[in-house]
Amino acid sequence: MKHINGKTAARYCAALLVVALFMFPIFWFALTAIKPRWAIFNKDQVIWFDFVPTIENFLAVWIGPSIFSIRESMLSSIIVASGSTVVVVIVSVPAAFGLSRIAFRGHRWFLAGTLAHRFLPPVAIIIPLFFIFHNLGLRDTHAGIILAHTLISMPVAVLLMKSFFDDIPREIDDMACIDGATRLQTFWCIILPTVRGGVAATAILCFIFSWTEFLLSLFLTSSIRTLPVRISLFDAGSQVSLIAATGTSALVPGFIFILLVQRYLVRGLTMGALK
C-alpha cells in the first residue's frame, strides 16, 4: 500500500474542500427541487433531510400549466447550444489549423485582434446587435441566437484549438508531405484524429457558454425563451421550488454531453508533447 505523507494528505484535503465549496450550491439546488413547500419556507429552522421527497416541482415545470412549463425552453436551449457548438467547431478547427501552420504578415496582430474581440463584453454591443438582427430578420429566431452565440464563442475556440495544433510537431506535416499527402489530407487523416481531445474540450466550453448565456438570448428574442431567460421569469419569492426544479433539469443535458465526450476530454486537457 502506498504511503501518503502529510503534505499529500493536506493537498487532498484542500482539493476536497474546494470541490465541496463548488458542489454545495448544486447540491442545495437539487435538494430544494425535491422539498415540499413547507420545508423550503420554514422560518424556524433550516430543513436538511427531515422531509419526504416529492417530485411535484418537476411535474409542475414539465407537465404542468403552460405558465410554468419549461418544455419549449428546454428544446430551444438544446437547439441553440447544439447548433452554435457545431458551427463553432466546424469553422474554428480549420481556421485554427491554418493559423498554426501558415505564417503571414501581421500574424500576431491578427491573433491579438481575434482575442480582443472576446474581451468586448456583450452588453457593449447588444444595442447595435439588436438593430442589425432586426433589420436582417434574425431577431426572435433560433438561427439568430445561434449566430450571436457563435460570434461570441469563435475567438476563444480558435485560439484554444490553435494551442492544440501548436503542440503537434510540424515534422509530422513534413513527413506526410514527403509521402505524397496534400495539406488537406494531412489535416483530415493525421492531425485532426490526434487532436480529438482538444476538439472535445473546445466543444464542451462552447456548449456550456451557449447553454448558460442570458443577455443575448434575452434581448434578441421575445417569444423564444431559453432556459436561463425562462428561469428569470419565475417569481423568486414564491416560486423558489420551481426555479430549483428548472435549474436542476437544466444541469442534465450538460452532464449528458460531457459524458458523451469524456473519453476525449481528459486527453484534450492534458495534451502536450507527442511521443
C-alpha atoms as a PDB file:
ATOM      1  CA  MET A   1       0.000   0.000   0.000  1.00  0.00           C
ATOM      2  CA  LYS A   2       1.404   3.356  -0.978  1.00  0.00           C
ATOM      3  CA  HIS A   3       2.263   5.586   1.977  1.00  0.00           C
ATOM      4  CA  ILE A   4       0.675   9.048   1.952  1.00  0.00           C
ATOM      5  CA  ASN A   5       2.717  11.704   3.703  1.00  0.00           C
ATOM      6  CA  GLY A   6       1.350  14.765   5.452  1.00  0.00           C
ATOM      7  CA  LYS A   7       1.887  17.107   2.517  1.00  0.00           C
ATOM      8  CA  THR A   8      -0.013  14.822   0.144  1.00  0.00           C
ATOM      9  CA  ALA A   9      -2.843  14.370   2.646  1.00  0.00           C
ATOM     10  CA  ALA A  10      -3.115  18.142   3.098  1.00  0.00           C
ATOM     11  CA  ARG A  11      -3.225  18.567  -0.690  1.00  0.00           C
ATOM     12  CA  TYR A  12      -6.039  16.019  -0.958  1.00  0.00           C
ATOM     13  CA  CYS A  13      -7.977  17.678   1.857  1.00  0.00           C
ATOM     14  CA  ALA A  14      -7.605  21.091   0.235  1.00  0.00           C
ATOM     15  CA  ALA A  15      -8.783  19.668  -3.098  1.00  0.00           C
ATOM     16  CA  LEU A  16     -11.810  18.051  -1.450  1.00  0.00           C
ATOM     17  CA  LEU A  17     -12.629  21.326   0.304  1.00  0.00           C
ATOM     18  CA  VAL A  18     -12.531  23.276  -2.949  1.00  0.00           C
ATOM     19  CA  VAL A  19     -14.700  20.675  -4.697  1.00  0.00           C
ATOM     20  CA  ALA A  20     -17.172  20.737  -1.794  1.00  0.00           C
ATOM     21  CA  LEU A  21     -17.413  24.536  -1.928  1.00  0.00           C
ATOM     22  CA  PHE A  22     -18.198  24.440  -5.649  1.00  0.00           C
ATOM     23  CA  MET A  23     -20.595  21.489  -5.417  1.00  0.00           C
ATOM     24  CA  PHE A  24     -22.594  22.695  -2.404  1.00  0.00           C
ATOM     25  CA  PRO A  25     -24.745  25.206  -4.370  1.00  0.00           C
ATOM     26  CA  ILE A  26     -25.600  22.467  -6.886  1.00  0.00           C
ATOM     27  CA  PHE A  27     -26.389  20.061  -4.040  1.00  0.00           C
ATOM     28  CA  TRP A  28     -28.609  22.622  -2.311  1.00  0.00           C
ATOM     29  CA  PHE A  29     -30.338  23.463  -5.593  1.00  0.00           C
ATOM     30  CA  ALA A  30     -31.146  19.800  -6.222  1.00  0.00           C
ATOM     31  CA  LEU A  31     -32.229  19.313  -2.599  1.00  0.00           C
ATOM     32  CA  THR A  32     -34.592  22.285  -2.813  1.00  0.00           C
ATOM     33  CA  ALA A  33     -36.104  20.860  -6.005  1.00  0.00           C
ATOM     34  CA  ILE A  34     -37.392  17.785  -4.144  1.00  0.00           C
ATOM     35  CA  LYS A  35     -38.523  19.594  -0.996  1.00  0.00           C
ATOM     36  CA  PRO A  36     -42.195  20.223  -0.240  1.00  0.00           C
ATOM     37  CA  ARG A  37     -43.204  23.847   0.090  1.00  0.00           C
ATOM     38  CA  TRP A  38     -43.314  23.843   3.901  1.00  0.00           C
ATOM     39  CA  ALA A  39     -39.700  22.629   4.096  1.00  0.00           C
ATOM     40  CA  ILE A  40     -38.481  25.419   1.820  1.00  0.00           C
ATOM     41  CA  PHE A  41     -40.203  28.291   3.609  1.00  0.00           C
ATOM     42  CA  ASN A  42     -39.765  27.077   7.194  1.00  0.00           C
ATOM     43  CA  LYS A  43     -38.812  30.164   9.225  1.00  0.00           C
ATOM     44  CA  ASP A  44     -37.902  28.332  12.417  1.00  0.00           C
ATOM     45  CA  GLN A  45     -35.088  26.112  11.128  1.00  0.00           C
ATOM     46  CA  VAL A  46     -33.246  25.010   8.038  1.00  0.00           C
ATOM     47  CA  ILE A  47     -34.657  21.697   6.838  1.00  0.00           C
ATOM     48  CA  TRP A  48     -31.917  19.411   5.521  1.00  0.00           C
ATOM     49  CA  PHE A  49     -33.208  15.862   5.195  1.00  0.00           C
ATOM     50  CA  ASP A  50     -36.151  15.740   7.602  1.00  0.00           C
ATOM     51  CA  PHE A  51     -38.827  15.685   4.898  1.00  0.00           C
ATOM     52  CA  VAL A  52     -40.453  13.312   2.436  1.00  0.00           C
ATOM     53  CA  PRO A  53     -39.039  13.926  -1.074  1.00  0.00           C
ATOM     54  CA  THR A  54     -41.520  14.978  -3.732  1.00  0.00           C
ATOM     55  CA  ILE A  55     -41.471  15.252  -7.496  1.00  0.00           C
ATOM     56  CA  GLU A  56     -44.324  17.739  -7.636  1.00  0.00           C
ATOM     57  CA  ASN A  57     -41.958  20.567  -8.527  1.00  0.00           C
ATOM     58  CA  PHE A  58     -40.606  18.653 -11.528  1.00  0.00           C
ATOM     59  CA  LEU A  59     -44.119  17.672 -12.618  1.00  0.00           C
ATOM     60  CA  ALA A  60     -45.173  21.325 -12.429  1.00  0.00           C
ATOM     61  CA  VAL A  61     -42.410  22.538 -14.754  1.00  0.00           C
ATOM     62  CA  TRP A  62     -42.601  19.603 -17.161  1.00  0.00           C
ATOM     63  CA  ILE A  63     -46.262  18.630 -17.483  1.00  0.00           C
ATOM     64  CA  GLY A  64     -47.955  21.443 -15.593  1.00  0.00           C
ATOM     65  CA  PRO A  65     -49.745  24.527 -16.978  1.00  0.00           C
ATOM     66  CA  SER A  66     -48.054  26.414 -19.800  1.00  0.00           C
ATOM     67  CA  ILE A  67     -47.329  29.323 -17.471  1.00  0.00           C
ATOM     68  CA  PHE A  68     -44.894  27.069 -15.585  1.00  0.00           C
ATOM     69  CA  SER A  69     -43.842  24.663 -18.358  1.00  0.00           C
ATOM     70  CA  ILE A  70     -40.211  24.633 -19.479  1.00  0.00           C
ATOM     71  CA  ARG A  71     -40.586  22.107 -22.307  1.00  0.00           C
ATOM     72  CA  GLU A  72     -40.315  24.694 -25.079  1.00  0.00           C
ATOM     73  CA  SER A  73     -37.462  26.467 -23.296  1.00  0.00           C
ATOM     74  CA  MET A  74     -35.557  23.209 -22.898  1.00  0.00           C
ATOM     75  CA  LEU A  75     -36.000  22.422 -26.596  1.00  0.00           C
ATOM     76  CA  SER A  76     -34.914  25.939 -27.577  1.00  0.00           C
ATOM     77  CA  SER A  77     -31.807  25.721 -25.395  1.00  0.00           C
ATOM     78  CA  ILE A  78     -30.866  22.349 -26.876  1.00  0.00           C
ATOM     79  CA  ILE A  79     -31.305  23.668 -30.430  1.00  0.00           C
ATOM     80  CA  VAL A  80     -29.315  26.842 -29.763  1.00  0.00           C
ATOM     81  CA  ALA A  81     -26.497  25.265 -27.748  1.00  0.00           C
ATOM     82  CA  SER A  82     -26.075  22.298 -30.104  1.00  0.00           C
ATOM     83  CA  GLY A  83     -26.319  24.446 -33.224  1.00  0.00           C
ATOM     84  CA  SER A  84     -23.811  27.052 -32.077  1.00  0.00           C
ATOM     85  CA  THR A  85     -21.397  24.364 -30.874  1.00  0.00           C
ATOM     86  CA  VAL A  86     -21.490  22.555 -34.223  1.00  0.00           C
ATOM     87  CA  VAL A  87     -20.974  25.784 -36.188  1.00  0.00           C
ATOM     88  CA  VAL A  88     -18.125  26.936 -33.958  1.00  0.00           C
ATOM     89  CA  VAL A  89     -16.313  23.594 -34.195  1.00  0.00           C
ATOM     90  CA  ILE A  90     -16.743  23.368 -37.986  1.00  0.00           C
ATOM     91  CA  VAL A  91     -15.361  26.875 -38.517  1.00  0.00           C
ATOM     92  CA  SER A  92     -12.790  27.196 -35.731  1.00  0.00           C
ATOM     93  CA  VAL A  93     -10.946  23.888 -36.262  1.00  0.00           C
ATOM     94  CA  PRO A  94      -9.735  24.532 -39.850  1.00  0.00           C
ATOM     95  CA  ALA A  95      -9.190  28.219 -39.037  1.00  0.00           C
ATOM     96  CA  ALA A  96      -7.001  27.317 -36.073  1.00  0.00           C
ATOM     97  CA  PHE A  97      -5.070  24.786 -38.167  1.00  0.00           C
ATOM     98  CA  GLY A  98      -4.360  27.464 -40.755  1.00  0.00           C
ATOM     99  CA  LEU A  99      -3.197  29.948 -38.111  1.00  0.00           C
ATOM    100  CA  SER A 100      -0.991  27.278 -36.573  1.00  0.00           C
ATOM    101  CA  ARG A 101       0.662  26.137 -39.792  1.00  0.00           C
ATOM    102  CA  ILE A 102       0.632  29.142 -42.133  1.00  0.00           C
ATOM    103  CA  ALA A 103       2.670  32.256 -41.334  1.00  0.00           C
ATOM    104  CA  PHE A 104       1.700  35.566 -42.947  1.00  0.00           C
ATOM    105  CA  ARG A 105       2.339  39.252 -42.459  1.00  0.00           C
ATOM    106  CA  GLY A 106       0.562  40.546 -39.392  1.00  0.00           C
ATOM    107  CA  HIS A 107       0.048  37.046 -37.967  1.00  0.00           C
ATOM    108  CA  ARG A 108       0.489  38.135 -34.345  1.00  0.00           C
ATOM    109  CA  TRP A 109      -1.679  41.217 -34.795  1.00  0.00           C
ATOM    110  CA  PHE A 110      -4.421  39.055 -36.251  1.00  0.00           C
ATOM    111  CA  LEU A 111      -4.308  36.750 -33.214  1.00  0.00           C
ATOM    112  CA  ALA A 112      -4.333  39.721 -30.853  1.00  0.00           C
ATOM    113  CA  GLY A 113      -7.312  41.194 -32.686  1.00  0.00           C
ATOM    114  CA  THR A 114      -9.135  37.866 -32.501  1.00  0.00           C
ATOM    115  CA  LEU A 115      -8.637  37.695 -28.756  1.00  0.00           C
ATOM    116  CA  ALA A 116      -9.520  41.378 -28.304  1.00  0.00           C
ATOM    117  CA  HIS A 117     -12.899  40.656 -29.902  1.00  0.00           C
ATOM    118  CA  ARG A 118     -13.672  38.352 -26.976  1.00  0.00           C
ATOM    119  CA  PHE A 119     -12.638  40.992 -24.444  1.00  0.00           C
ATOM    120  CA  LEU A 120     -15.549  43.144 -25.589  1.00  0.00           C
ATOM    121  CA  PRO A 121     -18.459  42.444 -23.194  1.00  0.00           C
ATOM    122  CA  PRO A 122     -21.763  41.501 -24.854  1.00  0.00           C
ATOM    123  CA  VAL A 123     -23.552  44.319 -23.039  1.00  0.00           C
ATOM    124  CA  ALA A 124     -21.450  46.820 -25.021  1.00  0.00           C
ATOM    125  CA  ILE A 125     -22.733  45.550 -28.377  1.00  0.00           C
ATOM    126  CA  ILE A 126     -26.232  44.427 -27.501  1.00  0.00           C
ATOM    127  CA  ILE A 127     -27.970  47.607 -28.785  1.00  0.00           C
ATOM    128  CA  PRO A 128     -26.372  47.714 -32.275  1.00  0.00           C
ATOM    129  CA  LEU A 129     -26.642  43.921 -32.468  1.00  0.00           C
ATOM    130  CA  PHE A 130     -30.356  44.190 -31.719  1.00  0.00           C
ATOM    131  CA  PHE A 131     -30.948  46.569 -34.650  1.00  0.00           C
ATOM    132  CA  ILE A 132     -28.697  44.605 -37.026  1.00  0.00           C
ATOM    133  CA  PHE A 133     -30.507  41.347 -36.297  1.00  0.00           C
ATOM    134  CA  HIS A 134     -33.879  43.101 -36.547  1.00  0.00           C
ATOM    135  CA  ASN A 135     -33.052  44.531 -39.989  1.00  0.00           C
ATOM    136  CA  LEU A 136     -31.764  41.148 -41.184  1.00  0.00           C
ATOM    137  CA  GLY A 137     -34.869  39.337 -39.955  1.00  0.00           C
ATOM    138  CA  LEU A 138     -32.850  37.262 -37.496  1.00  0.00           C
ATOM    139  CA  ARG A 139     -34.367  38.623 -34.306  1.00  0.00           C
ATOM    140  CA  ASP A 140     -36.552  36.204 -32.368  1.00  0.00           C
ATOM    141  CA  THR A 141     -35.293  33.206 -34.347  1.00  0.00           C
ATOM    142  CA  HIS A 142     -33.214  30.205 -33.364  1.00  0.00           C
ATOM    143  CA  ALA A 143     -30.819  30.971 -36.225  1.00  0.00           C
ATOM    144  CA  GLY A 144     -30.256  34.470 -34.863  1.00  0.00           C
ATOM    145  CA  ILE A 145     -29.380  33.274 -31.359  1.00  0.00           C
ATOM    146  CA  ILE A 146     -27.126  30.556 -32.780  1.00  0.00           C
ATOM    147  CA  LEU A 147     -25.294  33.151 -34.872  1.00  0.00           C
ATOM    148  CA  ALA A 148     -24.904  35.503 -31.895  1.00  0.00           C
ATOM    149  CA  HIS A 149     -23.522  32.744 -29.670  1.00  0.00           C
ATOM    150  CA  THR A 150     -21.230  31.616 -32.483  1.00  0.00           C
ATOM    151  CA  LEU A 151     -19.761  35.097 -32.870  1.00  0.00           C
ATOM    152  CA  ILE A 152     -19.024  35.290 -29.147  1.00  0.00           C
ATOM    153  CA  SER A 153     -17.537  31.782 -28.834  1.00  0.00           C
ATOM    154  CA  MET A 154     -15.476  31.788 -32.033  1.00  0.00           C
ATOM    155  CA  PRO A 155     -12.391  33.758 -30.822  1.00  0.00           C
ATOM    156  CA  VAL A 156     -11.832  31.546 -27.780  1.00  0.00           C
ATOM    157  CA  ALA A 157     -12.431  28.379 -29.798  1.00  0.00           C
ATOM    158  CA  VAL A 158      -9.931  29.415 -32.486  1.00  0.00           C
ATOM    159  CA  LEU A 159      -7.197  30.324 -30.008  1.00  0.00           C
ATOM    160  CA  LEU A 160      -7.806  27.199 -27.929  1.00  0.00           C
ATOM    161  CA  MET A 161      -7.664  24.906 -30.945  1.00  0.00           C
ATOM    162  CA  LYS A 162      -4.556  26.707 -32.210  1.00  0.00           C
ATOM    163  CA  SER A 163      -2.795  25.846 -28.953  1.00  0.00           C
ATOM    164  CA  PHE A 164      -3.635  22.167 -29.508  1.00  0.00           C
ATOM    165  CA  PHE A 165      -2.363  22.255 -33.083  1.00  0.00           C
ATOM    166  CA  ASP A 166       0.816  24.025 -31.951  1.00  0.00           C
ATOM    167  CA  ASP A 167       1.573  21.050 -29.663  1.00  0.00           C
ATOM    168  CA  ILE A 168       1.832  18.765 -32.696  1.00  0.00           C
ATOM    169  CA  PRO A 169       5.335  18.887 -34.249  1.00  0.00           C
ATOM    170  CA  ARG A 170       5.468  20.275 -37.765  1.00  0.00           C
ATOM    171  CA  GLU A 171       7.725  17.372 -38.704  1.00  0.00           C
ATOM    172  CA  ILE A 172       4.579  15.238 -38.899  1.00  0.00           C
ATOM    173  CA  ASP A 173       3.262  17.524 -41.647  1.00  0.00           C
ATOM    174  CA  ASP A 174       6.602  17.332 -43.482  1.00  0.00           C
ATOM    175  CA  MET A 175       6.668  13.526 -43.351  1.00  0.00           C
ATOM    176  CA  ALA A 176       3.118  13.337 -44.638  1.00  0.00           C
ATOM    177  CA  CYS A 177       4.053  15.718 -47.473  1.00  0.00           C
ATOM    178  CA  ILE A 178       7.030  13.553 -48.390  1.00  0.00           C
ATOM    179  CA  ASP A 179       4.712  10.534 -48.552  1.00  0.00           C
ATOM    180  CA  GLY A 180       2.565  12.404 -51.083  1.00  0.00           C
ATOM    181  CA  ALA A 181      -0.267  13.644 -48.849  1.00  0.00           C
ATOM    182  CA  THR A 182      -1.800  17.033 -49.568  1.00  0.00           C
ATOM    183  CA  ARG A 183      -2.248  19.588 -46.795  1.00  0.00           C
ATOM    184  CA  LEU A 184      -5.950  18.757 -46.649  1.00  0.00           C
ATOM    185  CA  GLN A 185      -5.238  15.026 -46.390  1.00  0.00           C
ATOM    186  CA  THR A 186      -2.664  15.706 -43.687  1.00  0.00           C
ATOM    187  CA  PHE A 187      -5.165  17.743 -41.727  1.00  0.00           C
ATOM    188  CA  TRP A 188      -8.095  15.332 -42.095  1.00  0.00           C
ATOM    189  CA  CYS A 189      -6.335  11.965 -41.801  1.00  0.00           C
ATOM    190  CA  ILE A 190      -3.424  12.685 -39.445  1.00  0.00           C
ATOM    191  CA  ILE A 191      -3.682  15.925 -37.490  1.00  0.00           C
ATOM    192  CA  LEU A 192      -7.414  16.021 -36.745  1.00  0.00           C
ATOM    193  CA  PRO A 193      -7.589  12.495 -35.219  1.00  0.00           C
ATOM    194  CA  THR A 194      -4.662  13.458 -32.999  1.00  0.00           C
ATOM    195  CA  VAL A 195      -6.467  16.478 -31.533  1.00  0.00           C
ATOM    196  CA  ARG A 196      -9.830  14.815 -30.957  1.00  0.00           C
ATOM    197  CA  GLY A 197      -9.461  15.543 -27.262  1.00  0.00           C
ATOM    198  CA  GLY A 198      -8.881  19.211 -27.986  1.00  0.00           C
ATOM    199  CA  VAL A 199     -11.954  19.352 -30.206  1.00  0.00           C
ATOM    200  CA  ALA A 200     -14.000  17.740 -27.422  1.00  0.00           C
ATOM    201  CA  ALA A 201     -12.726  20.222 -24.833  1.00  0.00           C
ATOM    202  CA  THR A 202     -13.482  23.141 -27.153  1.00  0.00           C
ATOM    203  CA  ALA A 203     -16.957  21.815 -27.922  1.00  0.00           C
ATOM    204  CA  ILE A 204     -17.750  21.475 -24.218  1.00  0.00           C
ATOM    205  CA  LEU A 205     -16.698  25.053 -23.478  1.00  0.00           C
ATOM    206  CA  CYS A 206     -18.806  26.380 -26.367  1.00  0.00           C
ATOM    207  CA  PHE A 207     -21.803  24.261 -25.371  1.00  0.00           C
ATOM    208  CA  ILE A 208     -21.665  25.375 -21.732  1.00  0.00           C
ATOM    209  CA  PHE A 209     -21.361  29.043 -22.735  1.00  0.00           C
ATOM    210  CA  SER A 210     -24.349  28.841 -25.065  1.00  0.00           C
ATOM    211  CA  TRP A 211     -26.365  26.773 -22.591  1.00  0.00           C
ATOM    212  CA  THR A 212     -25.900  29.322 -19.785  1.00  0.00           C
ATOM    213  CA  GLU A 213     -25.853  32.564 -21.826  1.00  0.00           C
ATOM    214  CA  PHE A 214     -28.514  35.027 -20.695  1.00  0.00           C
ATOM    215  CA  LEU A 215     -28.066  38.574 -22.013  1.00  0.00           C
ATOM    216  CA  LEU A 216     -28.051  37.943 -25.777  1.00  0.00           C
ATOM    217  CA  SER A 217     -30.878  35.433 -25.502  1.00  0.00           C
ATOM    218  CA  LEU A 218     -32.933  37.949 -23.515  1.00  0.00           C
ATOM    219  CA  PHE A 219     -32.552  40.928 -25.865  1.00  0.00           C
ATOM    220  CA  LEU A 220     -32.584  39.116 -29.205  1.00  0.00           C
ATOM    221  CA  THR A 221     -35.777  37.149 -28.551  1.00  0.00           C
ATOM    222  CA  SER A 222     -39.268  37.820 -27.278  1.00  0.00           C
ATOM    223  CA  SER A 223     -41.206  34.601 -27.939  1.00  0.00           C
ATOM    224  CA  ILE A 224     -38.273  32.156 -27.881  1.00  0.00           C
ATOM    225  CA  ARG A 225     -37.097  31.710 -24.305  1.00  0.00           C
ATOM    226  CA  THR A 226     -34.003  29.710 -23.479  1.00  0.00           C
ATOM    227  CA  LEU A 227     -33.712  28.170 -20.022  1.00  0.00           C
ATOM    228  CA  PRO A 228     -31.701  30.995 -18.379  1.00  0.00           C
ATOM    229  CA  VAL A 229     -34.258  33.516 -19.601  1.00  0.00           C
ATOM    230  CA  ARG A 230     -37.152  31.252 -18.570  1.00  0.00           C
ATOM    231  CA  ILE A 231     -35.775  30.914 -15.044  1.00  0.00           C
ATOM    232  CA  SER A 232     -35.612  34.696 -14.702  1.00  0.00           C
ATOM    233  CA  LEU A 233     -39.366  34.901 -15.357  1.00  0.00           C
ATOM    234  CA  PHE A 234     -40.245  32.913 -12.229  1.00  0.00           C
ATOM    235  CA  ASP A 235     -41.117  34.786  -9.034  1.00  0.00           C
ATOM    236  CA  ALA A 236     -38.041  34.434  -6.810  1.00  0.00           C
ATOM    237  CA  GLY A 237     -40.196  34.944  -3.730  1.00  0.00           C
ATOM    238  CA  SER A 238     -42.961  32.381  -4.129  1.00  0.00           C
ATOM    239  CA  GLN A 239     -41.675  30.056  -6.865  1.00  0.00           C
ATOM    240  CA  VAL A 240     -38.317  29.043  -5.442  1.00  0.00           C
ATOM    241  CA  SER A 241     -39.206  25.365  -5.772  1.00  0.00           C
ATOM    242  CA  LEU A 242     -39.973  25.791  -9.485  1.00  0.00           C
ATOM    243  CA  ILE A 243     -36.716  27.679 -10.011  1.00  0.00           C
ATOM    244  CA  ALA A 244     -34.806  24.864  -8.295  1.00  0.00           C
ATOM    245  CA  ALA A 245     -36.583  22.186 -10.352  1.00  0.00           C
ATOM    246  CA  THR A 246     -35.901  24.079 -13.587  1.00  0.00           C
ATOM    247  CA  GLY A 247     -32.261  24.668 -12.696  1.00  0.00           C
ATOM    248  CA  THR A 248     -31.751  21.028 -11.752  1.00  0.00           C
ATOM    249  CA  SER A 249     -33.350  19.929 -15.029  1.00  0.00           C
ATOM    250  CA  ALA A 250     -31.060  22.309 -16.907  1.00  0.00           C
ATOM    251  CA  LEU A 251     -28.000  20.545 -15.497  1.00  0.00           C
ATOM    252  CA  VAL A 252     -28.918  17.191 -17.040  1.00  0.00           C
ATOM    253  CA  PRO A 253     -28.206  17.895 -20.761  1.00  0.00           C
ATOM    254  CA  GLY A 254     -24.832  19.400 -19.909  1.00  0.00           C
ATOM    255  CA  PHE A 255     -23.833  16.322 -17.916  1.00  0.00           C
ATOM    256  CA  ILE A 256     -25.020  14.045 -20.711  1.00  0.00           C
ATOM    257  CA  PHE A 257     -22.987  15.984 -23.285  1.00  0.00           C
ATOM    258  CA  ILE A 258     -19.872  15.784 -21.115  1.00  0.00           C
ATOM    259  CA  LEU A 259     -20.363  12.042 -20.586  1.00  0.00           C
ATOM    260  CA  LEU A 260     -20.558  11.510 -24.339  1.00  0.00           C
ATOM    261  CA  VAL A 261     -17.163  13.122 -24.949  1.00  0.00           C
ATOM    262  CA  GLN A 262     -15.429  12.355 -21.660  1.00  0.00           C
ATOM    263  CA  ARG A 263     -13.140   9.761 -23.267  1.00  0.00           C
ATOM    264  CA  TYR A 264     -11.588  12.572 -25.299  1.00  0.00           C
ATOM    265  CA  LEU A 265     -11.879  15.342 -22.703  1.00  0.00           C
ATOM    266  CA  VAL A 266      -9.071  14.267 -20.372  1.00  0.00           C
ATOM    267  CA  ARG A 267      -6.728  13.746 -23.296  1.00  0.00           C
ATOM    268  CA  GLY A 268      -7.626  17.159 -24.671  1.00  0.00           C
ATOM    269  CA  LEU A 269      -6.971  18.927 -21.383  1.00  0.00           C
ATOM    270  CA  THR A 270      -3.627  17.187 -20.898  1.00  0.00           C
ATOM    271  CA  MET A 271      -2.229  17.352 -24.418  1.00  0.00           C
ATOM    272  CA  GLY A 272       1.458  18.068 -24.519  1.00  0.00           C
ATOM    273  CA  ALA A 273       4.443  16.629 -26.292  1.00  0.00           C
ATOM    274  CA  LEU A 274       3.808  13.675 -28.578  1.00  0.00           C
ATOM    275  CA  LYS A 275       5.870  10.552 -28.274  1.00  0.00           C
END
